[in-house]
Amino acid sequence: MTTELKLSISRFLTRGSYALLILTIAVNLWTENAPWAAFLFFLIPLLIFLPGMIADTVRNLIWMGFALLMYFVIVVYKLSVPEPLALDIAELVLTTVLFSASMFYARIRQTNNL
């Protein structure tokens, strides 16, 4: 597998899972009839990384990895109930995919000075 193919796959997974995670969190909060403060609390930290995602900077990806750890902890806590919601499971999967893909993408770009 070439470096260009690895970069394109990991870039696609990073951007796709980022968009889907924002959408999933918004839909999950909307179905739970959460107040607007909850929307701000959960979505603003992710939306802060949007300009860096558009500019495609490695530093942005690394810092987003740290922020994703918070989302991972929250979603694991939400899954600790006896019957977790399907959207919570989707959030866990998307958070894990986003973290893995973005760290893989950042690592490839750093090692190849791209």
N, C-alpha and C. Protein backbone atom coordinates (compact mmCIF):
# COMPACT_ATOMS: atom_id res chain seq x y z
N MET A 1 0.85 -1.17 0.00
CA MET A 1 0.00 0.00 0.00
C MET A 1 0.90 1.23 0.00
N THR A 2 0.64 2.13 -0.90
CA THR A 2 1.47 3.32 -1.01
C THR A 2 1.10 4.35 0.05
N THR A 3 2.01 5.27 0.25
CA THR A 3 1.78 6.34 1.23
C THR A 3 0.61 7.22 0.82
N GLU A 4 0.49 7.49 -0.47
CA GLU A 4 -0.61 8.34 -0.95
C GLU A 4 -1.96 7.70 -0.69
N LEU A 5 -2.03 6.38 -0.88
CA LEU A 5 -3.29 5.67 -0.62
C LEU A 5 -3.62 5.68 0.87
N LYS A 6 -2.61 5.46 1.71
CA LYS A 6 -2.83 5.52 3.16
C LYS A 6 -3.31 6.90 3.57
N LEU A 7 -2.70 7.93 3.00
CA LEU A 7 -3.10 9.31 3.32
C LEU A 7 -4.53 9.58 2.88
N SER A 8 -4.89 9.16 1.69
CA SER A 8 -6.24 9.46 1.21
C SER A 8 -7.30 8.70 1.99
N ILE A 9 -7.03 7.45 2.36
CA ILE A 9 -7.99 6.68 3.15
C ILE A 9 -8.14 7.28 4.54
N SER A 10 -7.02 7.58 5.19
CA SER A 10 -7.11 8.12 6.54
C SER A 10 -7.70 9.53 6.55
N ARG A 11 -7.44 10.32 5.52
CA ARG A 11 -8.05 11.66 5.42
C ARG A 11 -9.57 11.53 5.25
N PHE A 12 -9.99 10.61 4.39
CA PHE A 12 -11.43 10.38 4.18
C PHE A 12 -12.11 9.91 5.47
N LEU A 13 -11.49 8.95 6.16
CA LEU A 13 -12.06 8.46 7.42
C LEU A 13 -12.11 9.55 8.48
N THR A 14 -11.06 10.38 8.53
CA THR A 14 -11.02 11.44 9.53
C THR A 14 -12.13 12.46 9.28
N ARG A 15 -12.22 12.93 8.06
CA ARG A 15 -13.23 13.95 7.76
C ARG A 15 -14.65 13.40 7.83
N GLY A 16 -14.83 12.18 7.35
CA GLY A 16 -16.17 11.58 7.38
C GLY A 16 -16.64 11.31 8.79
N SER A 17 -15.77 10.71 9.61
CA SER A 17 -16.18 10.42 10.98
C SER A 17 -16.34 11.69 11.81
N TYR A 18 -15.58 12.73 11.49
CA TYR A 18 -15.73 14.02 12.17
C TYR A 18 -17.12 14.59 11.91
N ALA A 19 -17.51 14.62 10.65
CA ALA A 19 -18.84 15.15 10.29
C ALA A 19 -19.95 14.30 10.88
N LEU A 20 -19.79 12.98 10.79
CA LEU A 20 -20.83 12.09 11.32
C LEU A 20 -20.92 12.16 12.84
N LEU A 21 -19.79 12.35 13.52
CA LEU A 21 -19.82 12.47 14.98
C LEU A 21 -20.57 13.73 15.40
N ILE A 22 -20.31 14.85 14.74
CA ILE A 22 -21.04 16.08 15.06
C ILE A 22 -22.53 15.88 14.83
N LEU A 23 -22.87 15.28 13.71
CA LEU A 23 -24.28 15.03 13.39
C LEU A 23 -24.92 14.08 14.39
N THR A 24 -24.24 13.02 14.75
CA THR A 24 -24.78 12.04 15.69
C THR A 24 -24.99 12.65 17.07
N ILE A 25 -24.03 13.44 17.52
CA ILE A 25 -24.19 14.09 18.84
C ILE A 25 -25.37 15.05 18.82
N ALA A 26 -25.51 15.81 17.73
CA ALA A 26 -26.63 16.76 17.63
C ALA A 26 -27.97 16.03 17.62
N VAL A 27 -28.06 14.95 16.85
CA VAL A 27 -29.32 14.19 16.79
C VAL A 27 -29.61 13.53 18.13
N ASN A 28 -28.59 13.01 18.78
CA ASN A 28 -28.78 12.37 20.08
C ASN A 28 -29.28 13.37 21.11
N LEU A 29 -28.70 14.56 21.12
CA LEU A 29 -29.16 15.58 22.06
C LEU A 29 -30.58 16.04 21.72
N TRP A 30 -30.89 16.14 20.44
CA TRP A 30 -32.23 16.56 20.03
C TRP A 30 -33.28 15.53 20.43
N THR A 31 -32.98 14.23 20.28
CA THR A 31 -33.95 13.20 20.66
C THR A 31 -34.14 13.12 22.17
N GLU A 32 -33.12 13.53 22.92
CA GLU A 32 -33.24 13.54 24.38
C GLU A 32 -33.86 14.84 24.90
N ASN A 33 -34.25 15.74 24.01
CA ASN A 33 -34.80 17.05 24.37
C ASN A 33 -33.87 17.81 25.32
N ALA A 34 -32.60 17.81 24.98
CA ALA A 34 -31.60 18.49 25.80
C ALA A 34 -31.72 19.99 25.64
N PRO A 35 -31.37 20.76 26.67
CA PRO A 35 -31.40 22.22 26.55
C PRO A 35 -30.28 22.70 25.62
N TRP A 36 -30.40 23.94 25.17
CA TRP A 36 -29.41 24.50 24.26
C TRP A 36 -28.02 24.56 24.88
N ALA A 37 -27.95 24.68 26.19
CA ALA A 37 -26.65 24.70 26.86
C ALA A 37 -25.91 23.38 26.65
N ALA A 38 -26.64 22.29 26.61
CA ALA A 38 -26.02 20.99 26.36
C ALA A 38 -25.48 20.91 24.93
N PHE A 39 -26.24 21.47 23.98
CA PHE A 39 -25.75 21.52 22.60
C PHE A 39 -24.43 22.28 22.54
N LEU A 40 -24.38 23.42 23.20
CA LEU A 40 -23.16 24.22 23.20
C LEU A 40 -22.02 23.48 23.89
N PHE A 41 -22.31 22.86 25.02
CA PHE A 41 -21.28 22.16 25.79
C PHE A 41 -20.67 21.00 25.00
N PHE A 42 -21.50 20.27 24.26
CA PHE A 42 -21.01 19.11 23.54
C PHE A 42 -20.48 19.42 22.14
N LEU A 43 -21.02 20.43 21.48
CA LEU A 43 -20.63 20.67 20.09
C LEU A 43 -19.53 21.71 19.92
N ILE A 44 -19.46 22.70 20.79
CA ILE A 44 -18.44 23.75 20.64
C ILE A 44 -17.02 23.18 20.68
N PRO A 45 -16.68 22.28 21.61
CA PRO A 45 -15.30 21.75 21.59
C PRO A 45 -14.94 21.05 20.28
N LEU A 46 -15.90 20.38 19.65
CA LEU A 46 -15.61 19.75 18.36
C LEU A 46 -15.55 20.76 17.23
N LEU A 47 -16.41 21.75 17.27
CA LEU A 47 -16.45 22.75 16.21
C LEU A 47 -15.24 23.68 16.23
N ILE A 48 -14.55 23.75 17.36
CA ILE A 48 -13.33 24.55 17.43
C ILE A 48 -12.29 24.01 16.45
N PHE A 49 -12.32 22.71 16.19
CA PHE A 49 -11.33 22.09 15.32
C PHE A 49 -11.71 22.16 13.84
N LEU A 50 -12.86 22.72 13.50
CA LEU A 50 -13.30 22.79 12.11
C LEU A 50 -12.34 23.60 11.22
N PRO A 51 -11.89 24.78 11.62
CA PRO A 51 -10.95 25.50 10.74
C PRO A 51 -9.66 24.72 10.48
N GLY A 52 -9.17 24.02 11.49
CA GLY A 52 -7.97 23.21 11.30
C GLY A 52 -8.21 22.00 10.42
N MET A 53 -9.43 21.46 10.47
CA MET A 53 -9.78 20.35 9.58
C MET A 53 -9.82 20.83 8.14
N ILE A 54 -10.34 22.02 7.94
CA ILE A 54 -10.40 22.58 6.58
C ILE A 54 -8.99 22.90 6.09
N ALA A 55 -8.15 23.48 6.97
CA ALA A 55 -6.78 23.83 6.59
C ALA A 55 -5.88 22.60 6.54
N ASP A 56 -6.32 21.48 7.11
CA ASP A 56 -5.59 20.22 7.08
C ASP A 56 -4.23 20.32 7.79
N THR A 57 -4.25 20.77 9.04
CA THR A 57 -3.02 20.91 9.81
C THR A 57 -2.83 19.74 10.76
N VAL A 58 -1.60 19.30 10.88
CA VAL A 58 -1.28 18.16 11.74
C VAL A 58 -1.48 18.52 13.21
N ARG A 59 -1.10 19.72 13.59
CA ARG A 59 -1.24 20.15 14.99
C ARG A 59 -2.71 20.08 15.43
N ASN A 60 -3.61 20.46 14.54
CA ASN A 60 -5.04 20.40 14.83
C ASN A 60 -5.47 18.96 15.09
N LEU A 61 -4.99 18.03 14.30
CA LEU A 61 -5.35 16.63 14.48
C LEU A 61 -4.87 16.10 15.83
N ILE A 62 -3.67 16.49 16.20
CA ILE A 62 -3.12 16.02 17.48
C ILE A 62 -3.93 16.56 18.65
N TRP A 63 -4.26 17.84 18.62
CA TRP A 63 -5.04 18.42 19.71
C TRP A 63 -6.47 17.87 19.73
N MET A 64 -7.01 17.57 18.56
CA MET A 64 -8.33 16.97 18.52
C MET A 64 -8.32 15.60 19.18
N GLY A 65 -7.22 14.88 19.06
CA GLY A 65 -7.10 13.59 19.73
C GLY A 65 -7.25 13.71 21.24
N PHE A 66 -6.67 14.76 21.81
CA PHE A 66 -6.84 14.99 23.25
C PHE A 66 -8.28 15.30 23.61
N ALA A 67 -8.94 16.11 22.79
CA ALA A 67 -10.34 16.45 23.06
C ALA A 67 -11.24 15.23 22.89
N LEU A 68 -10.90 14.35 21.98
CA LEU A 68 -11.73 13.16 21.76
C LEU A 68 -11.72 12.22 22.96
N LEU A 69 -10.68 12.29 23.75
CA LEU A 69 -10.64 11.46 24.95
C LEU A 69 -11.78 11.83 25.91
N MET A 70 -12.11 13.12 25.97
CA MET A 70 -13.24 13.56 26.79
C MET A 70 -14.55 12.96 26.27
N TYR A 71 -14.74 13.00 24.95
CA TYR A 71 -15.95 12.43 24.36
C TYR A 71 -16.01 10.92 24.58
N PHE A 72 -14.87 10.26 24.52
CA PHE A 72 -14.83 8.82 24.75
C PHE A 72 -15.28 8.49 26.18
N VAL A 73 -14.78 9.22 27.14
CA VAL A 73 -15.15 8.98 28.54
C VAL A 73 -16.64 9.22 28.75
N ILE A 74 -17.17 10.28 28.18
CA ILE A 74 -18.59 10.61 28.34
C ILE A 74 -19.46 9.52 27.72
N VAL A 75 -19.09 9.06 26.54
CA VAL A 75 -19.92 8.08 25.85
C VAL A 75 -19.84 6.70 26.53
N VAL A 76 -18.69 6.36 27.08
CA VAL A 76 -18.60 5.10 27.82
C VAL A 76 -19.47 5.17 29.07
N TYR A 77 -19.50 6.32 29.72
CA TYR A 77 -20.39 6.50 30.87
C TYR A 77 -21.86 6.37 30.46
N LYS A 78 -22.21 6.94 29.30
CA LYS A 78 -23.59 6.84 28.83
C LYS A 78 -23.97 5.41 28.46
N LEU A 79 -23.00 4.60 28.11
CA LEU A 79 -23.26 3.21 27.74
C LEU A 79 -23.32 2.28 28.94
N SER A 80 -23.08 2.80 30.13
CA SER A 80 -23.07 1.95 31.31
C SER A 80 -24.46 1.63 31.84
N VAL A 81 -25.50 2.13 31.21
CA VAL A 81 -26.87 1.81 31.62
C VAL A 81 -27.24 0.42 31.08
N PRO A 82 -28.26 -0.21 31.65
CA PRO A 82 -28.62 -1.56 31.19
C PRO A 82 -29.01 -1.66 29.71
N GLU A 83 -29.72 -0.67 29.19
CA GLU A 83 -30.13 -0.69 27.78
C GLU A 83 -29.67 0.60 27.11
N PRO A 84 -28.45 0.61 26.56
CA PRO A 84 -27.95 1.84 25.93
C PRO A 84 -28.67 2.13 24.62
N LEU A 85 -28.71 3.40 24.28
CA LEU A 85 -29.34 3.83 23.02
C LEU A 85 -28.43 3.52 21.84
N ALA A 86 -29.04 3.33 20.68
CA ALA A 86 -28.27 3.05 19.47
C ALA A 86 -27.38 4.23 19.09
N LEU A 87 -27.87 5.45 19.33
CA LEU A 87 -27.06 6.63 19.02
C LEU A 87 -25.83 6.73 19.91
N ASP A 88 -25.93 6.25 21.14
CA ASP A 88 -24.77 6.23 22.02
C ASP A 88 -23.72 5.25 21.52
N ILE A 89 -24.17 4.11 21.02
CA ILE A 89 -23.23 3.14 20.44
C ILE A 89 -22.59 3.72 19.19
N ALA A 90 -23.37 4.42 18.39
CA ALA A 90 -22.82 5.06 17.19
C ALA A 90 -21.79 6.13 17.57
N GLU A 91 -22.05 6.87 18.63
CA GLU A 91 -21.09 7.87 19.10
C GLU A 91 -19.78 7.22 19.51
N LEU A 92 -19.87 6.09 20.19
CA LEU A 92 -18.66 5.39 20.62
C LEU A 92 -17.86 4.91 19.41
N VAL A 93 -18.54 4.33 18.45
CA VAL A 93 -17.85 3.84 17.25
C VAL A 93 -17.21 5.01 16.49
N LEU A 94 -17.95 6.09 16.30
CA LEU A 94 -17.42 7.23 15.56
C LEU A 94 -16.28 7.92 16.29
N THR A 95 -16.36 8.00 17.60
CA THR A 95 -15.27 8.59 18.37
C THR A 95 -14.01 7.75 18.24
N THR A 96 -14.16 6.45 18.31
CA THR A 96 -13.01 5.56 18.18
C THR A 96 -12.41 5.62 16.77
N VAL A 97 -13.27 5.61 15.76
CA VAL A 97 -12.78 5.69 14.38
C VAL A 97 -12.10 7.04 14.13
N LEU A 98 -12.70 8.11 14.61
CA LEU A 98 -12.11 9.44 14.41
C LEU A 98 -10.76 9.55 15.10
N PHE A 99 -10.66 9.07 16.32
CA PHE A 99 -9.39 9.13 17.03
C PHE A 99 -8.32 8.32 16.31
N SER A 100 -8.65 7.09 15.94
CA SER A 100 -7.67 6.21 15.29
C SER A 100 -7.25 6.76 13.93
N ALA A 101 -8.22 7.17 13.12
CA ALA A 101 -7.90 7.67 11.78
C ALA A 101 -7.11 8.97 11.83
N SER A 102 -7.48 9.87 12.74
CA SER A 102 -6.77 11.14 12.79
C SER A 102 -5.35 10.97 13.31
N MET A 103 -5.15 10.07 14.27
CA MET A 103 -3.79 9.84 14.76
C MET A 103 -2.94 9.13 13.70
N PHE A 104 -3.54 8.21 12.96
CA PHE A 104 -2.84 7.53 11.86
C PHE A 104 -2.46 8.54 10.77
N TYR A 105 -3.40 9.40 10.43
CA TYR A 105 -3.17 10.42 9.40
C TYR A 105 -2.07 11.39 9.84
N ALA A 106 -2.12 11.83 11.09
CA ALA A 106 -1.10 12.75 11.59
C ALA A 106 0.28 12.08 11.61
N ARG A 107 0.32 10.82 11.98
CA ARG A 107 1.59 10.11 12.05
C ARG A 107 2.21 9.94 10.66
N ILE A 108 1.40 9.59 9.69
CA ILE A 108 1.92 9.43 8.32
C ILE A 108 2.44 10.77 7.79
N ARG A 109 1.69 11.82 8.04
CA ARG A 109 2.13 13.15 7.56
C ARG A 109 3.41 13.59 8.26
N GLN A 110 3.55 13.29 9.53
CA GLN A 110 4.76 13.69 10.24
C GLN A 110 5.98 12.90 9.78
N THR A 111 5.82 11.61 9.60
CA THR A 111 6.98 10.80 9.20
C THR A 111 7.41 11.07 7.77
N ASN A 112 6.51 11.51 6.92
CA ASN A 112 6.85 11.80 5.54
C ASN A 112 7.00 13.29 5.25
N ASN A 113 6.94 14.11 6.29
CA ASN A 113 7.07 15.57 6.15
C ASN A 113 6.14 16.15 5.10
N LEU A 114 4.87 15.77 5.17
CA LEU A 114 3.87 16.25 4.21
C LEU A 114 3.02 17.33 4.82
